[in-house]
Amino acid sequence: ARVRLAAPVDEATARWAAAPLHRDGEEIGWTGGDVVARRVERLGAVELAVRPLTGTGGAGQVRAALLTGLEREGLGLLRWSREAAELRQRLAFLHRAVGGAWPDVSEQALLSRAEEWLEPELGRARRRADLGRVDAGGCLRRLLPWAGGEAGRLDELAPERLEVPSGSRVRLDYTDPERPVLAVKLQELFGLTGTPLVAGVPVLVHLLSPAGRPAAVTADLASFWADGYRAVRAELRGRYPKHPWPENPATATPTRHTKARAEREGRGGG
């Protein structure tokens, strides 16, 4: 819209003419990245006078302001330790792969259920800094399906680590909710012909060189031993001659050590 004809109006006239729109009271909201409490005198949408308040007002208003902050800036306002972030990823995987009582932990879903998992911490918070002290992982556990007993199967269905044939317990990566990733040195999987399953889903195996660099990726370990291993062996055994590169990995002994160390340990064990 464009104003083509106007006349100045002083404050007294405006107050008289728009008296029904006059408001004077406390306002608490999320402003500039934090909870702000002000006493505001308004005439409709026009702020006539603003005075900051030292307190942060009623708990309900503060809670609403904090929820607004979470909606605007995201759940990153909470304290997400490595364990908390991994728990959320594991739950996202179970929600997709198993479903049922396993909760949706997407941003929108968690915000819509804030009262179920963020209380009483949210009710005690008064400002942004308080949100930063909230342990998101501890709160998130409140959404586990305790009632049906499924919560006790979390580590069975979506374990943090998976034991491989060498005896190592390797951490699983649940960053992709479609399937977990197992990144492990190739020699540690000798003798394993079937792809490991997590909640019935084959993991995506990242096979690493002895130096820990990616050598191959497969979701079908048997096919890799039969077809892909020969090329990897030809490429890497010259670079890592101290490590075993058997012609038939499906029947070889898994190890996380060099050939010399494995032989020494074998003699010592005998």
C-alpha atoms as a PDB file:
ATOM      1  CA  ALA A   1       0.000   0.000   0.000  1.00  0.00           C
ATOM      2  CA  ARG A   2       1.100   3.576  -0.654  1.00  0.00           C
ATOM      3  CA  VAL A   3      -0.027   6.525   1.466  1.00  0.00           C
ATOM      4  CA  ARG A   4      -1.061   9.413  -0.803  1.00  0.00           C
ATOM      5  CA  LEU A   5      -2.733  11.654   1.749  1.00  0.00           C
ATOM      6  CA  ALA A   6      -1.786  11.944   5.430  1.00  0.00           C
ATOM      7  CA  ALA A   7      -1.907  14.313   8.383  1.00  0.00           C
ATOM      8  CA  PRO A   8       0.231  14.345  11.515  1.00  0.00           C
ATOM      9  CA  VAL A   9      -1.391  13.073  14.725  1.00  0.00           C
ATOM     10  CA  ASP A  10       0.074  13.901  18.112  1.00  0.00           C
ATOM     11  CA  GLU A  11       0.255  11.310  20.898  1.00  0.00           C
ATOM     12  CA  ALA A  12      -2.635  12.766  22.899  1.00  0.00           C
ATOM     13  CA  THR A  13      -4.966  12.614  19.873  1.00  0.00           C
ATOM     14  CA  ALA A  14      -3.828   9.107  19.038  1.00  0.00           C
ATOM     15  CA  ARG A  15      -4.453   7.940  22.619  1.00  0.00           C
ATOM     16  CA  TRP A  16      -7.940   9.408  22.547  1.00  0.00           C
ATOM     17  CA  ALA A  17      -8.843   8.104  19.100  1.00  0.00           C
ATOM     18  CA  ALA A  18      -7.443   4.596  19.664  1.00  0.00           C
ATOM     19  CA  ALA A  19      -8.269   4.190  23.359  1.00  0.00           C
ATOM     20  CA  PRO A  20      -9.684   0.636  22.912  1.00  0.00           C
ATOM     21  CA  LEU A  21      -6.289  -0.457  21.531  1.00  0.00           C
ATOM     22  CA  HIS A  22      -4.337   0.774  24.547  1.00  0.00           C
ATOM     23  CA  ARG A  23      -2.509  -1.933  26.487  1.00  0.00           C
ATOM     24  CA  ASP A  24      -0.025  -1.660  29.329  1.00  0.00           C
ATOM     25  CA  GLY A  25       1.487  -4.783  30.858  1.00  0.00           C
ATOM     26  CA  GLU A  26       4.306  -7.299  31.136  1.00  0.00           C
ATOM     27  CA  GLU A  27       5.448  -9.193  28.051  1.00  0.00           C
ATOM     28  CA  ILE A  28       7.736 -12.202  28.163  1.00  0.00           C
ATOM     29  CA  GLY A  29       9.081 -13.704  24.959  1.00  0.00           C
ATOM     30  CA  TRP A  30      12.067 -15.075  23.072  1.00  0.00           C
ATOM     31  CA  THR A  31      13.904 -12.036  21.736  1.00  0.00           C
ATOM     32  CA  GLY A  32      17.481 -11.782  20.487  1.00  0.00           C
ATOM     33  CA  GLY A  33      18.246 -15.379  21.380  1.00  0.00           C
ATOM     34  CA  ASP A  34      17.059 -15.389  24.998  1.00  0.00           C
ATOM     35  CA  VAL A  35      14.079 -14.934  27.285  1.00  0.00           C
ATOM     36  CA  VAL A  36      13.310 -11.242  27.661  1.00  0.00           C
ATOM     37  CA  ALA A  37      10.849  -9.736  30.148  1.00  0.00           C
ATOM     38  CA  ARG A  38       9.608  -6.182  29.495  1.00  0.00           C
ATOM     39  CA  ARG A  39       6.853  -3.862  30.592  1.00  0.00           C
ATOM     40  CA  VAL A  40       5.363  -2.486  27.399  1.00  0.00           C
ATOM     41  CA  GLU A  41       2.790   0.213  26.815  1.00  0.00           C
ATOM     42  CA  ARG A  42       1.177  -0.286  23.426  1.00  0.00           C
ATOM     43  CA  LEU A  43      -1.297   1.428  21.214  1.00  0.00           C
ATOM     44  CA  GLY A  44      -2.210  -1.379  18.877  1.00  0.00           C
ATOM     45  CA  ALA A  45       1.051  -2.481  17.285  1.00  0.00           C
ATOM     46  CA  VAL A  46       2.843   0.746  18.240  1.00  0.00           C
ATOM     47  CA  GLU A  47       5.119   0.578  21.286  1.00  0.00           C
ATOM     48  CA  LEU A  48       4.748   3.802  23.252  1.00  0.00           C
ATOM     49  CA  ALA A  49       7.070   2.899  26.124  1.00  0.00           C
ATOM     50  CA  VAL A  50       9.263  -0.085  26.963  1.00  0.00           C
ATOM     51  CA  ARG A  51      10.951  -0.826  30.270  1.00  0.00           C
ATOM     52  CA  PRO A  52      13.024  -3.962  30.924  1.00  0.00           C
ATOM     53  CA  LEU A  53      12.100  -6.026  33.973  1.00  0.00           C
ATOM     54  CA  THR A  54      14.675  -7.567  36.256  1.00  0.00           C
ATOM     55  CA  GLY A  55      12.607 -10.732  36.851  1.00  0.00           C
ATOM     56  CA  THR A  56      11.500 -13.163  34.164  1.00  0.00           C
ATOM     57  CA  GLY A  57       7.837 -13.333  35.037  1.00  0.00           C
ATOM     58  CA  GLY A  58       5.530 -16.288  35.529  1.00  0.00           C
ATOM     59  CA  ALA A  59       6.642 -19.857  34.933  1.00  0.00           C
ATOM     60  CA  GLY A  60       4.039 -20.472  32.233  1.00  0.00           C
ATOM     61  CA  GLN A  61       5.088 -17.444  30.229  1.00  0.00           C
ATOM     62  CA  VAL A  62       8.779 -18.297  30.564  1.00  0.00           C
ATOM     63  CA  ARG A  63       8.112 -21.888  29.514  1.00  0.00           C
ATOM     64  CA  ALA A  64       6.235 -20.655  26.424  1.00  0.00           C
ATOM     65  CA  ALA A  65       9.143 -18.338  25.584  1.00  0.00           C
ATOM     66  CA  LEU A  66      11.659 -21.168  25.932  1.00  0.00           C
ATOM     67  CA  LEU A  67       9.561 -23.400  23.673  1.00  0.00           C
ATOM     68  CA  THR A  68       9.481 -20.585  21.126  1.00  0.00           C
ATOM     69  CA  GLY A  69      13.268 -20.442  21.339  1.00  0.00           C
ATOM     70  CA  LEU A  70      13.559 -24.194  20.766  1.00  0.00           C
ATOM     71  CA  GLU A  71      11.219 -23.976  17.772  1.00  0.00           C
ATOM     72  CA  ARG A  72      13.183 -21.089  16.251  1.00  0.00           C
ATOM     73  CA  GLU A  73      16.728 -22.218  16.988  1.00  0.00           C
ATOM     74  CA  GLY A  74      16.377 -25.977  17.310  1.00  0.00           C
ATOM     75  CA  LEU A  75      17.106 -28.631  19.886  1.00  0.00           C
ATOM     76  CA  GLY A  76      20.788 -27.724  19.694  1.00  0.00           C
ATOM     77  CA  LEU A  77      20.012 -25.289  22.537  1.00  0.00           C
ATOM     78  CA  LEU A  78      20.111 -28.353  24.814  1.00  0.00           C
ATOM     79  CA  ARG A  79      23.304 -30.123  25.923  1.00  0.00           C
ATOM     80  CA  TRP A  80      23.912 -33.024  23.534  1.00  0.00           C
ATOM     81  CA  SER A  81      26.822 -35.164  24.651  1.00  0.00           C
ATOM     82  CA  ARG A  82      28.234 -37.773  22.274  1.00  0.00           C
ATOM     83  CA  GLU A  83      26.230 -40.452  24.103  1.00  0.00           C
ATOM     84  CA  ALA A  84      23.033 -38.400  23.840  1.00  0.00           C
ATOM     85  CA  ALA A  85      23.468 -37.797  20.101  1.00  0.00           C
ATOM     86  CA  GLU A  86      24.174 -41.501  19.523  1.00  0.00           C
ATOM     87  CA  LEU A  87      21.120 -42.507  21.582  1.00  0.00           C
ATOM     88  CA  ARG A  88      18.952 -40.299  19.381  1.00  0.00           C
ATOM     89  CA  GLN A  89      20.448 -41.877  16.247  1.00  0.00           C
ATOM     90  CA  ARG A  90      19.833 -45.391  17.602  1.00  0.00           C
ATOM     91  CA  LEU A  91      16.217 -44.519  18.395  1.00  0.00           C
ATOM     92  CA  ALA A  92      15.735 -43.029  14.921  1.00  0.00           C
ATOM     93  CA  PHE A  93      17.005 -46.304  13.444  1.00  0.00           C
ATOM     94  CA  LEU A  94      14.669 -48.415  15.607  1.00  0.00           C
ATOM     95  CA  HIS A  95      11.706 -46.161  14.768  1.00  0.00           C
ATOM     96  CA  ARG A  96      12.342 -46.798  11.077  1.00  0.00           C
ATOM     97  CA  ALA A  97      13.428 -50.448  11.226  1.00  0.00           C
ATOM     98  CA  VAL A  98      11.191 -51.825  13.992  1.00  0.00           C
ATOM     99  CA  GLY A  99       8.495 -49.207  14.493  1.00  0.00           C
ATOM    100  CA  GLY A 100       5.845 -50.055  17.034  1.00  0.00           C
ATOM    101  CA  ALA A 101       6.517 -48.346  20.338  1.00  0.00           C
ATOM    102  CA  TRP A 102       9.924 -46.988  19.351  1.00  0.00           C
ATOM    103  CA  PRO A 103       9.477 -43.184  19.264  1.00  0.00           C
ATOM    104  CA  ASP A 104       9.903 -40.700  16.458  1.00  0.00           C
ATOM    105  CA  VAL A 105      12.831 -38.516  17.524  1.00  0.00           C
ATOM    106  CA  SER A 106      12.800 -36.042  14.646  1.00  0.00           C
ATOM    107  CA  GLU A 107      13.027 -32.358  15.570  1.00  0.00           C
ATOM    108  CA  GLN A 108       9.333 -31.710  14.950  1.00  0.00           C
ATOM    109  CA  ALA A 109       8.209 -34.806  16.849  1.00  0.00           C
ATOM    110  CA  LEU A 110      10.347 -34.020  19.877  1.00  0.00           C
ATOM    111  CA  LEU A 111       9.149 -30.418  20.037  1.00  0.00           C
ATOM    112  CA  SER A 112       5.523 -31.564  19.855  1.00  0.00           C
ATOM    113  CA  ARG A 113       6.127 -33.864  22.855  1.00  0.00           C
ATOM    114  CA  ALA A 114       8.272 -31.492  24.897  1.00  0.00           C
ATOM    115  CA  GLU A 115       6.136 -31.916  28.003  1.00  0.00           C
ATOM    116  CA  GLU A 116       6.755 -35.691  27.926  1.00  0.00           C
ATOM    117  CA  TRP A 117      10.541 -35.680  27.823  1.00  0.00           C
ATOM    118  CA  LEU A 118      11.771 -32.199  28.763  1.00  0.00           C
ATOM    119  CA  GLU A 119       9.923 -31.862  32.048  1.00  0.00           C
ATOM    120  CA  PRO A 120      10.667 -31.014  34.812  1.00  0.00           C
ATOM    121  CA  GLU A 121      13.891 -29.453  33.464  1.00  0.00           C
ATOM    122  CA  LEU A 122      12.005 -27.162  31.070  1.00  0.00           C
ATOM    123  CA  GLY A 123       9.727 -25.919  33.840  1.00  0.00           C
ATOM    124  CA  ARG A 124      12.731 -25.026  36.007  1.00  0.00           C
ATOM    125  CA  ALA A 125      14.604 -23.187  33.238  1.00  0.00           C
ATOM    126  CA  ARG A 126      14.428 -19.386  33.146  1.00  0.00           C
ATOM    127  CA  ARG A 127      16.778 -18.465  30.305  1.00  0.00           C
ATOM    128  CA  ARG A 128      18.847 -19.777  27.394  1.00  0.00           C
ATOM    129  CA  ALA A 129      21.794 -20.723  29.605  1.00  0.00           C
ATOM    130  CA  ASP A 130      19.526 -23.037  31.606  1.00  0.00           C
ATOM    131  CA  LEU A 131      18.582 -24.910  28.419  1.00  0.00           C
ATOM    132  CA  GLY A 132      22.286 -25.408  27.725  1.00  0.00           C
ATOM    133  CA  ARG A 133      22.581 -27.311  30.996  1.00  0.00           C
ATOM    134  CA  VAL A 134      19.736 -29.724  30.252  1.00  0.00           C
ATOM    135  CA  ASP A 135      21.079 -33.258  29.620  1.00  0.00           C
ATOM    136  CA  ALA A 136      19.245 -34.147  26.404  1.00  0.00           C
ATOM    137  CA  GLY A 137      20.229 -37.816  26.618  1.00  0.00           C
ATOM    138  CA  GLY A 138      18.831 -38.291  30.105  1.00  0.00           C
ATOM    139  CA  CYS A 139      15.597 -36.570  29.084  1.00  0.00           C
ATOM    140  CA  LEU A 140      15.339 -38.571  25.860  1.00  0.00           C
ATOM    141  CA  ARG A 141      15.268 -41.844  27.805  1.00  0.00           C
ATOM    142  CA  ARG A 142      11.846 -40.860  29.122  1.00  0.00           C
ATOM    143  CA  LEU A 143      10.453 -41.593  25.652  1.00  0.00           C
ATOM    144  CA  LEU A 144      11.693 -45.199  25.647  1.00  0.00           C
ATOM    145  CA  PRO A 145       8.835 -47.741  25.559  1.00  0.00           C
ATOM    146  CA  TRP A 146       9.067 -48.664  29.238  1.00  0.00           C
ATOM    147  CA  ALA A 147       5.430 -49.718  29.549  1.00  0.00           C
ATOM    148  CA  GLY A 148       5.718 -52.621  27.142  1.00  0.00           C
ATOM    149  CA  GLY A 149       9.136 -53.709  28.343  1.00  0.00           C
ATOM    150  CA  GLU A 150      10.714 -52.953  24.959  1.00  0.00           C
ATOM    151  CA  ALA A 151      13.032 -50.366  26.504  1.00  0.00           C
ATOM    152  CA  GLY A 152      15.061 -53.164  28.046  1.00  0.00           C
ATOM    153  CA  ARG A 153      15.871 -54.453  24.549  1.00  0.00           C
ATOM    154  CA  LEU A 154      17.522 -51.235  23.375  1.00  0.00           C
ATOM    155  CA  ASP A 155      21.061 -52.601  23.631  1.00  0.00           C
ATOM    156  CA  GLU A 156      19.981 -55.884  22.062  1.00  0.00           C
ATOM    157  CA  LEU A 157      18.180 -54.362  19.083  1.00  0.00           C
ATOM    158  CA  ALA A 158      20.506 -51.394  18.508  1.00  0.00           C
ATOM    159  CA  PRO A 159      23.777 -52.077  20.344  1.00  0.00           C
ATOM    160  CA  GLU A 160      26.394 -49.379  20.687  1.00  0.00           C
ATOM    161  CA  ARG A 161      29.129 -51.862  19.730  1.00  0.00           C
ATOM    162  CA  LEU A 162      29.313 -55.100  17.780  1.00  0.00           C
ATOM    163  CA  GLU A 163      31.781 -57.872  18.520  1.00  0.00           C
ATOM    164  CA  VAL A 164      33.658 -59.008  15.412  1.00  0.00           C
ATOM    165  CA  PRO A 165      35.504 -62.338  14.879  1.00  0.00           C
ATOM    166  CA  SER A 166      38.842 -60.903  16.074  1.00  0.00           C
ATOM    167  CA  GLY A 167      37.290 -60.228  19.477  1.00  0.00           C
ATOM    168  CA  SER A 168      37.221 -56.458  19.065  1.00  0.00           C
ATOM    169  CA  ARG A 169      34.057 -54.620  20.071  1.00  0.00           C
ATOM    170  CA  VAL A 170      33.604 -52.064  17.299  1.00  0.00           C
ATOM    171  CA  ARG A 171      31.364 -49.029  17.674  1.00  0.00           C
ATOM    172  CA  LEU A 172      28.434 -48.883  15.244  1.00  0.00           C
ATOM    173  CA  ASP A 173      27.562 -45.646  13.457  1.00  0.00           C
ATOM    174  CA  TYR A 174      23.814 -44.937  13.301  1.00  0.00           C
ATOM    175  CA  THR A 175      24.113 -41.571  11.556  1.00  0.00           C
ATOM    176  CA  ASP A 176      22.092 -42.971   8.629  1.00  0.00           C
ATOM    177  CA  PRO A 177      18.729 -44.226   9.980  1.00  0.00           C
ATOM    178  CA  GLU A 178      18.424 -46.633   7.042  1.00  0.00           C
ATOM    179  CA  ARG A 179      21.174 -48.962   8.264  1.00  0.00           C
ATOM    180  CA  PRO A 180      24.068 -48.885  10.753  1.00  0.00           C
ATOM    181  CA  VAL A 181      27.648 -48.692   9.543  1.00  0.00           C
ATOM    182  CA  LEU A 182      30.373 -50.996  10.859  1.00  0.00           C
ATOM    183  CA  ALA A 183      33.839 -49.617  10.095  1.00  0.00           C
ATOM    184  CA  VAL A 184      36.420 -52.306  10.879  1.00  0.00           C
ATOM    185  CA  LYS A 185      39.809 -53.455   9.651  1.00  0.00           C
ATOM    186  CA  LEU A 186      39.435 -56.110   6.976  1.00  0.00           C
ATOM    187  CA  GLN A 187      41.624 -58.723   8.731  1.00  0.00           C
ATOM    188  CA  GLU A 188      39.342 -58.658  11.789  1.00  0.00           C
ATOM    189  CA  LEU A 189      36.483 -60.156   9.747  1.00  0.00           C
ATOM    190  CA  PHE A 190      38.311 -63.171   8.318  1.00  0.00           C
ATOM    191  CA  GLY A 191      36.133 -66.236   8.669  1.00  0.00           C
ATOM    192  CA  LEU A 192      32.866 -64.299   8.831  1.00  0.00           C
ATOM    193  CA  THR A 193      30.792 -65.291   5.809  1.00  0.00           C
ATOM    194  CA  GLY A 194      27.480 -63.632   6.705  1.00  0.00           C
ATOM    195  CA  THR A 195      26.872 -59.911   7.007  1.00  0.00           C
ATOM    196  CA  PRO A 196      26.097 -58.935  10.628  1.00  0.00           C
ATOM    197  CA  LEU A 197      22.495 -57.963  11.308  1.00  0.00           C
ATOM    198  CA  VAL A 198      21.178 -55.270  13.640  1.00  0.00           C
ATOM    199  CA  ALA A 199      17.450 -55.495  14.361  1.00  0.00           C
ATOM    200  CA  GLY A 200      17.220 -57.724  11.285  1.00  0.00           C
ATOM    201  CA  VAL A 201      18.900 -55.130   9.035  1.00  0.00           C
ATOM    202  CA  PRO A 202      22.265 -55.972   7.388  1.00  0.00           C
ATOM    203  CA  VAL A 203      24.883 -53.450   8.440  1.00  0.00           C
ATOM    204  CA  LEU A 204      26.896 -51.570   5.844  1.00  0.00           C
ATOM    205  CA  VAL A 205      30.451 -52.800   6.340  1.00  0.00           C
ATOM    206  CA  HIS A 206      33.268 -50.333   5.726  1.00  0.00           C
ATOM    207  CA  LEU A 207      36.339 -52.527   5.359  1.00  0.00           C
ATOM    208  CA  LEU A 208      39.486 -50.693   6.390  1.00  0.00           C
ATOM    209  CA  SER A 209      43.136 -51.171   5.550  1.00  0.00           C
ATOM    210  CA  PRO A 210      45.623 -51.895   8.395  1.00  0.00           C
ATOM    211  CA  ALA A 211      46.172 -48.127   8.525  1.00  0.00           C
ATOM    212  CA  GLY A 212      42.451 -47.547   9.082  1.00  0.00           C
ATOM    213  CA  ARG A 213      41.785 -46.167   5.591  1.00  0.00           C
ATOM    214  CA  PRO A 214      38.701 -47.230   3.569  1.00  0.00           C
ATOM    215  CA  ALA A 215      39.423 -50.212   1.334  1.00  0.00           C
ATOM    216  CA  ALA A 216      35.921 -51.368   0.364  1.00  0.00           C
ATOM    217  CA  VAL A 217      32.255 -50.997   1.280  1.00  0.00           C
ATOM    218  CA  THR A 218      29.758 -53.839   1.202  1.00  0.00           C
ATOM    219  CA  ALA A 219      26.383 -54.926   2.556  1.00  0.00           C
ATOM    220  CA  ASP A 220      27.046 -58.501   1.383  1.00  0.00           C
ATOM    221  CA  LEU A 221      30.180 -59.866   2.984  1.00  0.00           C
ATOM    222  CA  ALA A 222      29.958 -63.290   1.331  1.00  0.00           C
ATOM    223  CA  SER A 223      29.911 -61.698  -2.122  1.00  0.00           C
ATOM    224  CA  PHE A 224      32.845 -59.475  -1.213  1.00  0.00           C
ATOM    225  CA  TRP A 225      35.008 -62.442  -0.148  1.00  0.00           C
ATOM    226  CA  ALA A 226      34.072 -64.245  -3.373  1.00  0.00           C
ATOM    227  CA  ASP A 227      34.459 -61.366  -5.810  1.00  0.00           C
ATOM    228  CA  GLY A 228      35.840 -58.109  -4.408  1.00  0.00           C
ATOM    229  CA  TYR A 229      38.516 -59.296  -1.998  1.00  0.00           C
ATOM    230  CA  ARG A 230      40.914 -60.450  -4.725  1.00  0.00           C
ATOM    231  CA  ALA A 231      41.276 -56.904  -6.105  1.00  0.00           C
ATOM    232  CA  VAL A 232      41.674 -55.375  -2.628  1.00  0.00           C
ATOM    233  CA  ARG A 233      44.291 -58.013  -1.749  1.00  0.00           C
ATOM    234  CA  ALA A 234      46.239 -57.320  -4.933  1.00  0.00           C
ATOM    235  CA  GLU A 235      46.239 -53.583  -4.216  1.00  0.00           C
ATOM    236  CA  LEU A 236      47.060 -53.597  -0.502  1.00  0.00           C
ATOM    237  CA  ARG A 237      49.283 -56.568   0.332  1.00  0.00           C
ATOM    238  CA  GLY A 238      52.285 -54.799  -1.199  1.00  0.00           C
ATOM    239  CA  ARG A 239      51.673 -51.747   0.985  1.00  0.00           C
ATOM    240  CA  TYR A 240      51.087 -53.747   4.145  1.00  0.00           C
ATOM    241  CA  PRO A 241      53.293 -56.847   3.836  1.00  0.00           C
ATOM    242  CA  LYS A 242      53.416 -57.349   7.615  1.00  0.00           C
ATOM    243  CA  HIS A 243      49.698 -58.102   7.721  1.00  0.00           C
ATOM    244  CA  PRO A 244      48.048 -61.342   6.570  1.00  0.00           C
ATOM    245  CA  TRP A 245      46.434 -61.460   3.137  1.00  0.00           C
ATOM    246  CA  PRO A 246      45.271 -65.094   2.738  1.00  0.00           C
ATOM    247  CA  GLU A 247      43.938 -66.329  -0.568  1.00  0.00           C
ATOM    248  CA  ASN A 248      40.822 -67.710   1.138  1.00  0.00           C
ATOM    249  CA  PRO A 249      39.692 -65.157   3.770  1.00  0.00           C
ATOM    250  CA  ALA A 250      36.501 -67.080   4.538  1.00  0.00           C
ATOM    251  CA  THR A 251      38.537 -69.794   6.290  1.00  0.00           C
ATOM    252  CA  ALA A 252      41.383 -67.649   7.635  1.00  0.00           C
ATOM    253  CA  THR A 253      41.898 -66.774  11.294  1.00  0.00           C
ATOM    254  CA  PRO A 254      40.721 -63.230  12.126  1.00  0.00           C
ATOM    255  CA  THR A 255      43.282 -60.936  13.713  1.00  0.00           C
ATOM    256  CA  ARG A 256      43.891 -57.313  14.584  1.00  0.00           C
ATOM    257  CA  HIS A 257      47.667 -57.749  14.643  1.00  0.00           C
ATOM    258  CA  THR A 258      50.549 -58.212  12.225  1.00  0.00           C
ATOM    259  CA  LYS A 259      51.554 -61.719  11.102  1.00  0.00           C
ATOM    260  CA  ALA A 260      54.615 -61.740  13.397  1.00  0.00           C
ATOM    261  CA  ARG A 261      52.669 -60.721  16.489  1.00  0.00           C
ATOM    262  CA  ALA A 262      49.872 -63.168  15.731  1.00  0.00           C
ATOM    263  CA  GLU A 263      52.460 -65.957  15.420  1.00  0.00           C
ATOM    264  CA  ARG A 264      54.132 -64.956  18.712  1.00  0.00           C
ATOM    265  CA  GLU A 265      50.793 -64.896  20.514  1.00  0.00           C
ATOM    266  CA  GLY A 266      49.892 -68.219  18.939  1.00  0.00           C
ATOM    267  CA  ARG A 267      53.106 -69.829  20.225  1.00  0.00           C
ATOM    268  CA  GLY A 268      52.583 -68.276  23.641  1.00  0.00           C
ATOM    269  CA  GLY A 269      49.013 -69.505  23.800  1.00  0.00           C
ATOM    270  CA  GLY A 270      50.124 -73.003  22.825  1.00  0.00           C
END
